[in-house]
Protein backbone atom coordinates (compact mmCIF):
# COMPACT_ATOMS: atom_id res chain seq x y z
CA UNK A 1 -136.83 191.03 52.68
CA UNK A 2 -133.90 192.99 53.79
CA UNK A 3 -130.02 192.60 51.98
CA UNK A 4 -127.05 193.23 54.40
CA UNK A 5 -123.49 194.65 51.81
CA UNK A 6 -120.85 195.72 52.57
CA UNK A 7 -120.04 199.06 52.69
CA UNK A 8 -117.53 199.78 49.90
CA UNK A 9 -119.95 198.31 47.07
CA UNK A 10 -120.83 200.85 44.61
CA UNK A 11 -124.25 201.82 43.66
CA UNK A 12 -124.38 199.50 40.14
CA UNK A 13 -122.64 196.27 42.39
CA UNK A 14 -125.94 196.74 45.08
CA UNK A 15 -128.73 197.10 42.73
CA UNK A 16 -127.03 193.75 41.44
CA UNK A 17 -126.81 191.88 44.39
CA UNK A 18 -129.94 193.32 45.46
CA UNK A 19 -131.94 191.67 42.18
CA UNK A 20 -129.72 187.86 42.89
CA UNK A 21 -130.58 187.64 46.59
CA UNK A 22 -134.43 188.20 45.25
CA UNK A 23 -134.08 186.14 42.53
CA UNK A 24 -133.00 183.71 45.04
CA UNK A 25 -135.20 184.00 47.33
CA UNK A 26 -138.38 183.86 45.22
CA UNK A 27 -137.27 180.48 43.45
CA UNK A 28 -136.93 178.75 46.86
CA UNK A 29 -139.96 179.67 48.10
CA UNK A 30 -141.45 178.48 44.76
CA UNK A 31 -138.97 175.35 44.90
CA UNK A 32 -140.29 174.31 48.88
CA UNK A 33 -143.92 175.82 48.34
CA UNK A 34 -146.83 173.47 49.85
CA UNK A 35 -148.88 172.80 46.68
CA UNK A 36 -152.01 172.63 50.37
CA UNK A 37 -151.80 176.25 49.95
CA UNK A 38 -153.73 175.95 46.62
CA UNK A 39 -156.61 175.40 47.75
CA UNK A 40 -159.08 174.14 51.47
CA UNK A 41 -159.13 171.19 49.63
CA UNK A 42 -155.77 170.55 49.32
CA UNK A 43 -154.95 171.68 52.78
CA UNK A 44 -157.42 168.40 53.45
CA UNK A 45 -155.73 165.93 51.22
CA UNK A 46 -152.74 167.30 52.18
CA UNK A 47 -153.60 166.03 55.58
CA UNK A 48 -154.92 163.28 54.94
CA UNK A 49 -151.44 162.03 53.27
CA UNK A 50 -149.75 163.66 56.72
CA UNK A 51 -152.29 161.32 58.51
CA UNK A 52 -152.05 157.95 56.70
CA UNK A 53 -147.64 159.19 56.89
CA UNK A 54 -147.42 159.94 60.52
CA UNK A 55 -150.60 159.02 62.39
CA UNK A 56 -151.81 155.85 61.47
CA UNK A 57 -154.58 157.39 59.04
CA UNK A 58 -156.36 157.67 62.50
CA UNK A 59 -156.86 161.27 61.78
CA UNK A 60 -159.00 162.13 59.81
CA UNK A 61 -161.06 166.08 59.94
CA UNK A 62 -164.54 166.34 59.16
CA UNK A 63 -163.00 170.43 57.68
CA UNK A 64 -160.06 171.81 56.90
CA UNK A 65 -160.01 175.13 55.72
CA UNK A 66 -157.54 178.70 55.52
CA UNK A 67 -159.29 181.06 57.68
CA UNK A 68 -158.37 185.14 57.81
CA UNK A 69 -154.84 185.36 59.40
CA UNK A 70 -155.38 185.18 63.23
CA UNK A 71 -154.47 187.18 65.58
CA UNK A 72 -152.58 184.69 67.91
CA UNK A 73 -152.70 181.74 66.72
CA UNK A 74 -151.41 180.52 62.93
CA UNK A 75 -154.23 177.33 63.42
CA UNK A 76 -156.89 175.88 65.73
CA UNK A 77 -158.93 173.07 66.24
CA UNK A 78 -162.00 171.87 66.81
CA UNK A 79 -161.34 168.09 68.63
CA UNK A 80 -165.42 167.75 68.86
CA UNK A 81 -166.02 168.63 66.09
CA UNK A 82 -162.95 167.69 63.67
CA UNK A 83 -162.58 170.89 62.13
CA UNK A 84 -159.47 172.20 61.73
CA UNK A 85 -158.35 176.25 60.12
CA UNK A 86 -155.10 177.75 59.20
CA UNK A 87 -154.15 180.38 59.35
CA UNK A 88 -153.65 182.16 55.49
CA UNK A 89 -150.00 183.57 56.66
CA UNK A 90 -148.93 180.02 56.41
CA UNK A 91 -149.93 179.86 52.46
CA UNK A 92 -146.36 181.09 51.71
CA UNK A 93 -144.51 178.82 54.90
CA UNK A 94 -142.19 176.45 53.20
CA UNK A 95 -144.01 173.11 52.59
CA UNK A 96 -142.40 171.65 56.03
CA UNK A 97 -143.40 173.69 58.07
CA UNK A 98 -147.27 173.64 56.96
CA UNK A 99 -147.06 170.30 56.83
CA UNK A 100 -145.77 170.95 61.23
CA UNK A 101 -148.81 173.15 61.94
CA UNK A 102 -151.44 169.66 59.98
CA UNK A 103 -149.73 167.17 62.24
CA UNK A 104 -150.01 169.25 64.98
CA UNK A 105 -153.75 169.92 64.62
CA UNK A 106 -154.54 167.12 63.58
CA UNK A 107 -153.04 165.03 66.61
CA UNK A 108 -155.14 166.70 67.90
CA UNK A 109 -158.80 165.18 66.85
CA UNK A 110 -156.74 161.99 68.84
CA UNK A 111 -155.75 164.23 71.52
CA UNK A 112 -157.70 167.45 73.11
CA UNK A 113 -155.14 168.11 75.25
CA UNK A 114 -150.66 169.36 74.89
CA UNK A 115 -150.13 166.05 77.32
CA UNK A 116 -147.30 163.29 76.41
CA UNK A 117 -149.07 161.13 73.93
CA UNK A 118 -149.55 164.61 72.53
CA UNK A 119 -146.53 165.12 71.92
CA UNK A 120 -145.08 161.57 71.08
CA UNK A 121 -147.55 161.78 68.37
CA UNK A 122 -146.58 165.47 66.75
CA UNK A 123 -143.04 163.94 67.40
CA UNK A 124 -143.24 161.81 64.48
CA UNK A 125 -143.05 164.36 62.74
CA UNK A 126 -139.17 164.40 61.47
CA UNK A 127 -139.50 168.26 61.32
CA UNK A 128 -141.50 168.81 64.53
CA UNK A 129 -138.55 170.80 66.83
CA UNK A 130 -137.13 173.00 63.06
CA UNK A 131 -141.46 174.11 62.82
CA UNK A 132 -141.73 175.40 65.96
CA UNK A 133 -138.88 177.29 65.51
CA UNK A 134 -139.15 178.87 62.14
CA UNK A 135 -142.57 180.06 63.50
CA UNK A 136 -141.18 181.55 66.49
CA UNK A 137 -138.96 183.48 64.19
CA UNK A 138 -140.91 184.34 61.79
CA UNK A 139 -143.47 185.45 64.74
CA UNK A 140 -140.85 187.42 66.15
CA UNK A 141 -139.47 188.68 63.00
CA UNK A 142 -142.63 190.35 61.84
CA UNK A 143 -143.91 191.40 64.83
CA UNK A 144 -146.94 189.48 64.81
CA UNK A 145 -147.04 188.39 68.66
CA UNK A 146 -147.85 185.21 67.80
CA UNK A 147 -147.53 182.74 70.83
CA UNK A 148 -149.77 179.33 69.70
CA UNK A 149 -147.10 177.13 68.88
CA UNK A 150 -146.89 174.97 72.04
CA UNK A 151 -144.37 174.72 74.38
CA UNK A 152 -144.24 171.10 74.86
CA UNK A 153 -142.89 171.59 78.70
CA UNK A 154 -146.37 172.58 79.18
CA UNK A 155 -149.78 172.35 79.75
CA UNK A 156 -152.13 174.75 77.88
CA UNK A 157 -155.12 176.46 78.54
CA UNK A 158 -157.93 175.41 76.09
CA UNK A 159 -160.04 178.10 74.04
CA UNK A 160 -162.88 179.55 75.98
CA UNK A 161 -165.25 177.58 73.25
CA UNK A 162 -162.91 174.15 74.42
CA UNK A 163 -160.71 174.38 71.39
CA UNK A 164 -157.43 174.04 71.51
CA UNK A 165 -155.57 175.93 69.63
CA UNK A 166 -151.98 175.79 68.11
């Protein structure tokens, strides 16, 4: 956390405002955290809810699990096996960001390519663009270099084992 304060503040004022901003940040994070971050089973339950709400209930993964932080991706999907893996880096993002990532991966169970049909499915989630921006900012701010947020205007490459990655 970085807190910028005016130079004219005293040391005690600085301590007060840093503590206050930290309390607000923690309160906000707790309020917006997804219950899906608790376990693989919770992730699967969230995927079922999102599939019903945004994808007509047609995208049921065989498995969804948290995995160690990926170097270049937020999540990945193997459509042929129906498996979705979500980077542990996403455990602390706001619920609406994790929901976007899950909808994105669920959409791959219907459409493996990042074509117009795929992006139309993702676009059913109302915070798609906002979540993509959040993930891009998170990657840049943390110096992660994660480029796995797909550009809707570009056709992405498939992974070497046939996985389509987000």
